[in-house]
Amino acid sequence: MNGLRIAVPRGALFDDTLELLDRLGLDTRAVRENDRKLLFEEAGIVTMRPSDVPTYVEAGAADLGITGKDVLMEQSERECYELVDLGYGYCRMVLASEAGEDRAAEALRRLGVVRIATKYPRIAARHFLATGRQAEIVEVKGSVELAPLTGLAEAIVDLTATGTTLVENGLVVREEIAECSARLIANPVAHKLKARAIDAVLERVRAG
């Protein structure tokens, strides 16, 4: 891809990202055929967890990267340029709690503070700060839906695509915090020094 290296997220965005790269003229067959290999030098592709993409792009280990807007919001301190919304991987960042009486709202009324379990502590903290409410943020790594059911927290902040997992665990959406989708990001130095190559990629992305 004109000498550019791109960081590609494994996981939910992986298949759609490879389809996009195919449309851009990259040969992704080797990536598709090898689950364990991470660096594909000939294709200019390096694969990793979505949450690591901004780290590699910021450091210049990749010129471009693709990751979810949720990752960029959580890692807002990273020095990366967000170039374009790629239009796939759509989901919502939401505040959810158990169906029925809103225990989170009740905790705020009674105690003036609410406990929120989340994999996105910075997004959650910013949301509550911006809306003038006090929250104790509990960071969890696994199934965040468990937190309200066990009394760990009154509510959760999490990403949802269909809402099915929330419903299956007796949770309902109380507030929508942000809409998220896959984004193309660039290293600031590469954006200047390799502007022609990056602009060419952007043109092809926008042309569909």
C-alpha atoms as a PDB file:
ATOM      1  CA  MET A   1       0.000   0.000   0.000  1.00  0.00           C
ATOM      2  CA  ASN A   2       2.501   2.572  -1.293  1.00  0.00           C
ATOM      3  CA  GLY A   3       5.029   1.667   1.387  1.00  0.00           C
ATOM      4  CA  LEU A   4       2.587   2.225   4.248  1.00  0.00           C
ATOM      5  CA  ARG A   5       2.180  -0.129   7.175  1.00  0.00           C
ATOM      6  CA  ILE A   6      -1.348  -0.464   8.587  1.00  0.00           C
ATOM      7  CA  ALA A   7      -2.380  -1.797  12.003  1.00  0.00           C
ATOM      8  CA  VAL A   8      -5.377  -4.097  11.618  1.00  0.00           C
ATOM      9  CA  PRO A   9      -7.646  -5.032  14.551  1.00  0.00           C
ATOM     10  CA  ARG A  10      -8.371  -8.682  15.213  1.00  0.00           C
ATOM     11  CA  GLY A  11     -11.782  -9.502  16.696  1.00  0.00           C
ATOM     12  CA  ALA A  12     -15.149  -8.050  15.731  1.00  0.00           C
ATOM     13  CA  LEU A  13     -13.766  -5.584  13.146  1.00  0.00           C
ATOM     14  CA  PHE A  14     -11.357  -8.052  11.535  1.00  0.00           C
ATOM     15  CA  ASP A  15     -13.422  -9.469   8.635  1.00  0.00           C
ATOM     16  CA  ASP A  16     -14.864  -6.112   7.548  1.00  0.00           C
ATOM     17  CA  THR A  17     -11.402  -4.548   7.743  1.00  0.00           C
ATOM     18  CA  LEU A  18      -9.896  -7.234   5.494  1.00  0.00           C
ATOM     19  CA  GLU A  19     -12.739  -6.700   3.008  1.00  0.00           C
ATOM     20  CA  LEU A  20     -11.932  -2.979   2.995  1.00  0.00           C
ATOM     21  CA  LEU A  21      -8.233  -3.686   2.397  1.00  0.00           C
ATOM     22  CA  ASP A  22      -9.140  -6.054  -0.453  1.00  0.00           C
ATOM     23  CA  ARG A  23     -11.095  -3.213  -2.073  1.00  0.00           C
ATOM     24  CA  LEU A  24      -8.059  -0.973  -1.645  1.00  0.00           C
ATOM     25  CA  GLY A  25      -6.001  -3.467  -3.636  1.00  0.00           C
ATOM     26  CA  LEU A  26      -4.120  -5.250  -0.857  1.00  0.00           C
ATOM     27  CA  ASP A  27      -3.661  -9.002  -0.985  1.00  0.00           C
ATOM     28  CA  THR A  28      -5.000 -10.214   2.374  1.00  0.00           C
ATOM     29  CA  ARG A  29      -4.969 -13.944   1.638  1.00  0.00           C
ATOM     30  CA  ALA A  30      -1.950 -14.610   3.869  1.00  0.00           C
ATOM     31  CA  VAL A  31      -3.663 -12.773   6.735  1.00  0.00           C
ATOM     32  CA  ARG A  32      -6.854 -14.789   6.326  1.00  0.00           C
ATOM     33  CA  GLU A  33      -4.957 -18.079   6.158  1.00  0.00           C
ATOM     34  CA  ASN A  34      -2.812 -17.587   9.267  1.00  0.00           C
ATOM     35  CA  ASP A  35      -4.477 -17.023  12.642  1.00  0.00           C
ATOM     36  CA  ARG A  36      -1.252 -16.969  14.641  1.00  0.00           C
ATOM     37  CA  LYS A  37       1.072 -14.858  12.514  1.00  0.00           C
ATOM     38  CA  LEU A  38       0.853 -11.155  13.397  1.00  0.00           C
ATOM     39  CA  LEU A  39       3.164  -9.307  10.992  1.00  0.00           C
ATOM     40  CA  PHE A  40       2.686  -9.557   7.231  1.00  0.00           C
ATOM     41  CA  GLU A  41       5.568  -7.475   5.895  1.00  0.00           C
ATOM     42  CA  GLU A  42       4.858  -7.971   2.189  1.00  0.00           C
ATOM     43  CA  ALA A  43       1.279  -6.747   2.515  1.00  0.00           C
ATOM     44  CA  GLY A  44       2.243  -3.963   4.926  1.00  0.00           C
ATOM     45  CA  ILE A  45      -0.159  -5.334   7.549  1.00  0.00           C
ATOM     46  CA  VAL A  46       0.341  -5.893  11.269  1.00  0.00           C
ATOM     47  CA  THR A  47      -2.526  -7.429  13.274  1.00  0.00           C
ATOM     48  CA  MET A  48      -3.283  -6.868  16.959  1.00  0.00           C
ATOM     49  CA  ARG A  49      -5.973  -6.258  19.563  1.00  0.00           C
ATOM     50  CA  PRO A  50      -8.098  -3.180  18.722  1.00  0.00           C
ATOM     51  CA  SER A  51      -7.020  -1.510  21.978  1.00  0.00           C
ATOM     52  CA  ASP A  52      -3.346  -1.715  20.905  1.00  0.00           C
ATOM     53  CA  VAL A  53      -3.840  -0.028  17.524  1.00  0.00           C
ATOM     54  CA  PRO A  54      -3.510   3.599  18.782  1.00  0.00           C
ATOM     55  CA  THR A  55      -0.335   2.657  20.705  1.00  0.00           C
ATOM     56  CA  TYR A  56       1.391   1.313  17.570  1.00  0.00           C
ATOM     57  CA  VAL A  57       0.173   4.190  15.405  1.00  0.00           C
ATOM     58  CA  GLU A  58       1.196   6.862  17.936  1.00  0.00           C
ATOM     59  CA  ALA A  59       4.684   5.320  18.217  1.00  0.00           C
ATOM     60  CA  GLY A  60       5.109   5.150  14.429  1.00  0.00           C
ATOM     61  CA  ALA A  61       5.291   1.338  14.381  1.00  0.00           C
ATOM     62  CA  ALA A  62       2.363   1.649  11.942  1.00  0.00           C
ATOM     63  CA  ASP A  63       1.584   4.600   9.676  1.00  0.00           C
ATOM     64  CA  LEU A  64      -2.170   3.946   9.635  1.00  0.00           C
ATOM     65  CA  GLY A  65      -4.518   1.953  11.828  1.00  0.00           C
ATOM     66  CA  ILE A  66      -8.126   0.882  12.072  1.00  0.00           C
ATOM     67  CA  THR A  67      -9.907   0.655  15.403  1.00  0.00           C
ATOM     68  CA  GLY A  68     -13.242   1.442  17.024  1.00  0.00           C
ATOM     69  CA  LYS A  69     -14.270   4.918  18.097  1.00  0.00           C
ATOM     70  CA  ASP A  70     -14.732   3.475  21.612  1.00  0.00           C
ATOM     71  CA  VAL A  71     -10.992   2.742  21.759  1.00  0.00           C
ATOM     72  CA  LEU A  72     -10.140   6.261  20.592  1.00  0.00           C
ATOM     73  CA  MET A  73     -12.493   7.782  23.172  1.00  0.00           C
ATOM     74  CA  GLU A  74     -10.984   5.703  25.965  1.00  0.00           C
ATOM     75  CA  GLN A  75      -7.435   6.535  24.822  1.00  0.00           C
ATOM     76  CA  SER A  76      -8.045  10.197  23.985  1.00  0.00           C
ATOM     77  CA  GLU A  77      -4.528  11.118  25.140  1.00  0.00           C
ATOM     78  CA  ARG A  78      -2.958   9.245  22.205  1.00  0.00           C
ATOM     79  CA  GLU A  79      -1.318  11.416  19.538  1.00  0.00           C
ATOM     80  CA  CYS A  80      -3.138  10.067  16.483  1.00  0.00           C
ATOM     81  CA  TYR A  81      -5.101  11.764  13.716  1.00  0.00           C
ATOM     82  CA  GLU A  82      -8.608  10.403  13.167  1.00  0.00           C
ATOM     83  CA  LEU A  83      -9.036  10.553   9.391  1.00  0.00           C
ATOM     84  CA  VAL A  84     -12.401   9.032   8.484  1.00  0.00           C
ATOM     85  CA  ASP A  85     -15.406   7.080   9.764  1.00  0.00           C
ATOM     86  CA  LEU A  86     -15.271   3.781   7.871  1.00  0.00           C
ATOM     87  CA  GLY A  87     -18.979   3.112   8.382  1.00  0.00           C
ATOM     88  CA  TYR A  88     -18.829  -0.447   9.730  1.00  0.00           C
ATOM     89  CA  GLY A  89     -18.682  -1.998  13.190  1.00  0.00           C
ATOM     90  CA  TYR A  90     -21.532   0.224  14.399  1.00  0.00           C
ATOM     91  CA  CYS A  91     -22.420   0.040  18.090  1.00  0.00           C
ATOM     92  CA  ARG A  92     -23.485   2.308  20.939  1.00  0.00           C
ATOM     93  CA  MET A  93     -21.807   3.180  24.206  1.00  0.00           C
ATOM     94  CA  VAL A  94     -24.590   3.096  26.795  1.00  0.00           C
ATOM     95  CA  LEU A  95     -25.414   3.370  30.464  1.00  0.00           C
ATOM     96  CA  ALA A  96     -27.512   0.366  31.482  1.00  0.00           C
ATOM     97  CA  SER A  97     -28.989  -1.002  34.690  1.00  0.00           C
ATOM     98  CA  GLU A  98     -31.413  -3.688  35.819  1.00  0.00           C
ATOM     99  CA  ALA A  99     -34.931  -3.432  34.422  1.00  0.00           C
ATOM    100  CA  GLY A 100     -37.589  -2.023  36.724  1.00  0.00           C
ATOM    101  CA  GLU A 101     -36.725   0.648  39.236  1.00  0.00           C
ATOM    102  CA  ASP A 102     -33.563   2.480  38.185  1.00  0.00           C
ATOM    103  CA  ARG A 103     -31.170   1.610  41.011  1.00  0.00           C
ATOM    104  CA  ALA A 104     -28.538   3.977  39.650  1.00  0.00           C
ATOM    105  CA  ALA A 105     -30.881   6.963  39.803  1.00  0.00           C
ATOM    106  CA  GLU A 106     -32.018   5.861  43.270  1.00  0.00           C
ATOM    107  CA  ALA A 107     -28.402   5.666  44.505  1.00  0.00           C
ATOM    108  CA  LEU A 108     -27.743   9.167  43.222  1.00  0.00           C
ATOM    109  CA  ARG A 109     -30.847  10.489  44.986  1.00  0.00           C
ATOM    110  CA  ARG A 110     -30.110   8.688  48.239  1.00  0.00           C
ATOM    111  CA  LEU A 111     -26.311   8.769  48.469  1.00  0.00           C
ATOM    112  CA  GLY A 112     -25.259  11.387  45.939  1.00  0.00           C
ATOM    113  CA  VAL A 113     -22.989   8.862  44.235  1.00  0.00           C
ATOM    114  CA  VAL A 114     -23.460   5.819  41.998  1.00  0.00           C
ATOM    115  CA  ARG A 115     -21.189   2.830  41.386  1.00  0.00           C
ATOM    116  CA  ILE A 116     -20.556   2.123  37.716  1.00  0.00           C
ATOM    117  CA  ALA A 117     -18.838  -1.033  36.442  1.00  0.00           C
ATOM    118  CA  THR A 118     -17.153  -0.729  33.051  1.00  0.00           C
ATOM    119  CA  LYS A 119     -14.309  -1.701  30.732  1.00  0.00           C
ATOM    120  CA  TYR A 120     -14.187   1.983  29.760  1.00  0.00           C
ATOM    121  CA  PRO A 121     -13.339   3.868  32.987  1.00  0.00           C
ATOM    122  CA  ARG A 122     -12.304   7.123  31.280  1.00  0.00           C
ATOM    123  CA  ILE A 123     -15.380   7.326  29.079  1.00  0.00           C
ATOM    124  CA  ALA A 124     -17.626   6.595  32.065  1.00  0.00           C
ATOM    125  CA  ALA A 125     -15.876   9.126  34.309  1.00  0.00           C
ATOM    126  CA  ARG A 126     -16.052  11.858  31.633  1.00  0.00           C
ATOM    127  CA  HIS A 127     -19.742  11.179  30.998  1.00  0.00           C
ATOM    128  CA  PHE A 128     -20.713  11.505  34.649  1.00  0.00           C
ATOM    129  CA  LEU A 129     -18.484  14.535  35.164  1.00  0.00           C
ATOM    130  CA  ALA A 130     -19.997  16.251  32.116  1.00  0.00           C
ATOM    131  CA  THR A 131     -23.518  15.608  33.414  1.00  0.00           C
ATOM    132  CA  GLY A 132     -22.715  16.842  36.927  1.00  0.00           C
ATOM    133  CA  ARG A 133     -23.113  13.520  38.714  1.00  0.00           C
ATOM    134  CA  GLN A 134     -20.708  11.761  41.053  1.00  0.00           C
ATOM    135  CA  ALA A 135     -19.731   8.218  40.136  1.00  0.00           C
ATOM    136  CA  GLU A 136     -17.443   5.621  41.664  1.00  0.00           C
ATOM    137  CA  ILE A 137     -15.962   3.782  38.695  1.00  0.00           C
ATOM    138  CA  VAL A 138     -15.198   0.065  39.080  1.00  0.00           C
ATOM    139  CA  GLU A 139     -13.070  -1.262  36.218  1.00  0.00           C
ATOM    140  CA  VAL A 140     -13.787  -4.842  35.152  1.00  0.00           C
ATOM    141  CA  LYS A 141     -12.228  -6.889  32.364  1.00  0.00           C
ATOM    142  CA  GLY A 142     -14.789  -9.632  31.789  1.00  0.00           C
ATOM    143  CA  SER A 143     -18.579  -9.796  31.494  1.00  0.00           C
ATOM    144  CA  VAL A 144     -19.593  -6.390  32.781  1.00  0.00           C
ATOM    145  CA  GLU A 145     -23.302  -7.362  32.715  1.00  0.00           C
ATOM    146  CA  LEU A 146     -22.686  -9.411  35.855  1.00  0.00           C
ATOM    147  CA  ALA A 147     -21.926  -6.354  37.991  1.00  0.00           C
ATOM    148  CA  PRO A 148     -25.492  -5.069  38.614  1.00  0.00           C
ATOM    149  CA  LEU A 149     -26.808  -8.604  39.104  1.00  0.00           C
ATOM    150  CA  THR A 150     -24.361  -9.323  41.938  1.00  0.00           C
ATOM    151  CA  GLY A 151     -24.459  -5.932  43.636  1.00  0.00           C
ATOM    152  CA  LEU A 152     -20.946  -4.909  42.551  1.00  0.00           C
ATOM    153  CA  ALA A 153     -22.412  -1.788  40.934  1.00  0.00           C
ATOM    154  CA  GLU A 154     -25.765  -0.118  40.330  1.00  0.00           C
ATOM    155  CA  ALA A 155     -25.183   0.268  36.594  1.00  0.00           C
ATOM    156  CA  ILE A 156     -22.723  -0.346  33.788  1.00  0.00           C
ATOM    157  CA  VAL A 157     -21.228   1.618  30.929  1.00  0.00           C
ATOM    158  CA  ASP A 158     -20.603  -0.689  27.992  1.00  0.00           C
ATOM    159  CA  LEU A 159     -20.618  -1.092  24.241  1.00  0.00           C
ATOM    160  CA  THR A 160     -23.623  -2.798  22.650  1.00  0.00           C
ATOM    161  CA  ALA A 161     -24.315  -3.683  19.033  1.00  0.00           C
ATOM    162  CA  THR A 162     -27.766  -5.283  19.179  1.00  0.00           C
ATOM    163  CA  GLY A 163     -28.665  -5.000  22.859  1.00  0.00           C
ATOM    164  CA  THR A 164     -29.318  -8.750  23.018  1.00  0.00           C
ATOM    165  CA  THR A 165     -26.766  -9.463  25.755  1.00  0.00           C
ATOM    166  CA  LEU A 166     -28.224  -6.688  27.907  1.00  0.00           C
ATOM    167  CA  VAL A 167     -31.767  -8.045  27.504  1.00  0.00           C
ATOM    168  CA  GLU A 168     -30.655 -11.619  28.219  1.00  0.00           C
ATOM    169  CA  ASN A 169     -29.194 -10.411  31.517  1.00  0.00           C
ATOM    170  CA  GLY A 170     -32.251  -8.371  32.521  1.00  0.00           C
ATOM    171  CA  LEU A 171     -30.657  -4.996  31.811  1.00  0.00           C
ATOM    172  CA  VAL A 172     -32.108  -1.983  30.007  1.00  0.00           C
ATOM    173  CA  VAL A 173     -30.440   1.027  28.406  1.00  0.00           C
ATOM    174  CA  ARG A 174     -30.903   4.184  30.500  1.00  0.00           C
ATOM    175  CA  GLU A 175     -28.758   6.609  28.497  1.00  0.00           C
ATOM    176  CA  GLU A 176     -26.863   6.624  25.208  1.00  0.00           C
ATOM    177  CA  ILE A 177     -23.379   8.090  25.588  1.00  0.00           C
ATOM    178  CA  ALA A 178     -21.973   7.818  22.049  1.00  0.00           C
ATOM    179  CA  GLU A 179     -22.294   6.097  18.699  1.00  0.00           C
ATOM    180  CA  CYS A 180     -19.190   4.147  17.717  1.00  0.00           C
ATOM    181  CA  SER A 181     -17.863   2.639  14.492  1.00  0.00           C
ATOM    182  CA  ALA A 182     -14.544   1.750  12.870  1.00  0.00           C
ATOM    183  CA  ARG A 183     -12.205   4.681  12.227  1.00  0.00           C
ATOM    184  CA  LEU A 184      -9.057   5.098  10.143  1.00  0.00           C
ATOM    185  CA  ILE A 185      -6.277   6.803  12.113  1.00  0.00           C
ATOM    186  CA  ALA A 186      -2.797   8.038  11.177  1.00  0.00           C
ATOM    187  CA  ASN A 187       0.520   8.713  12.852  1.00  0.00           C
ATOM    188  CA  PRO A 188       0.984  12.533  12.866  1.00  0.00           C
ATOM    189  CA  VAL A 189       4.550  12.377  11.485  1.00  0.00           C
ATOM    190  CA  ALA A 190       3.610   9.874   8.764  1.00  0.00           C
ATOM    191  CA  HIS A 191       0.631  12.085   7.925  1.00  0.00           C
ATOM    192  CA  LYS A 192       3.117  14.807   6.952  1.00  0.00           C
ATOM    193  CA  LEU A 193       6.017  12.804   5.529  1.00  0.00           C
ATOM    194  CA  LYS A 194       3.856  10.280   3.643  1.00  0.00           C
ATOM    195  CA  ALA A 195       0.995  12.656   2.843  1.00  0.00           C
ATOM    196  CA  ARG A 196       0.720  11.659  -0.820  1.00  0.00           C
ATOM    197  CA  ALA A 197       0.441   7.935  -0.052  1.00  0.00           C
ATOM    198  CA  ILE A 198      -2.023   8.501   2.809  1.00  0.00           C
ATOM    199  CA  ASP A 199      -4.135  10.877   0.697  1.00  0.00           C
ATOM    200  CA  ALA A 200      -4.286   8.232  -2.024  1.00  0.00           C
ATOM    201  CA  VAL A 201      -5.588   5.683   0.492  1.00  0.00           C
ATOM    202  CA  LEU A 202      -8.168   8.185   1.770  1.00  0.00           C
ATOM    203  CA  GLU A 203      -9.392   8.889  -1.762  1.00  0.00           C
ATOM    204  CA  ARG A 204      -9.893   5.181  -2.425  1.00  0.00           C
ATOM    205  CA  VAL A 205     -11.665   4.700   0.913  1.00  0.00           C
ATOM    206  CA  ARG A 206     -14.046   7.574   0.207  1.00  0.00           C
ATOM    207  CA  ALA A 207     -14.666   6.344  -3.342  1.00  0.00           C
ATOM    208  CA  GLY A 208     -15.949   3.102  -1.800  1.00  0.00           C
END
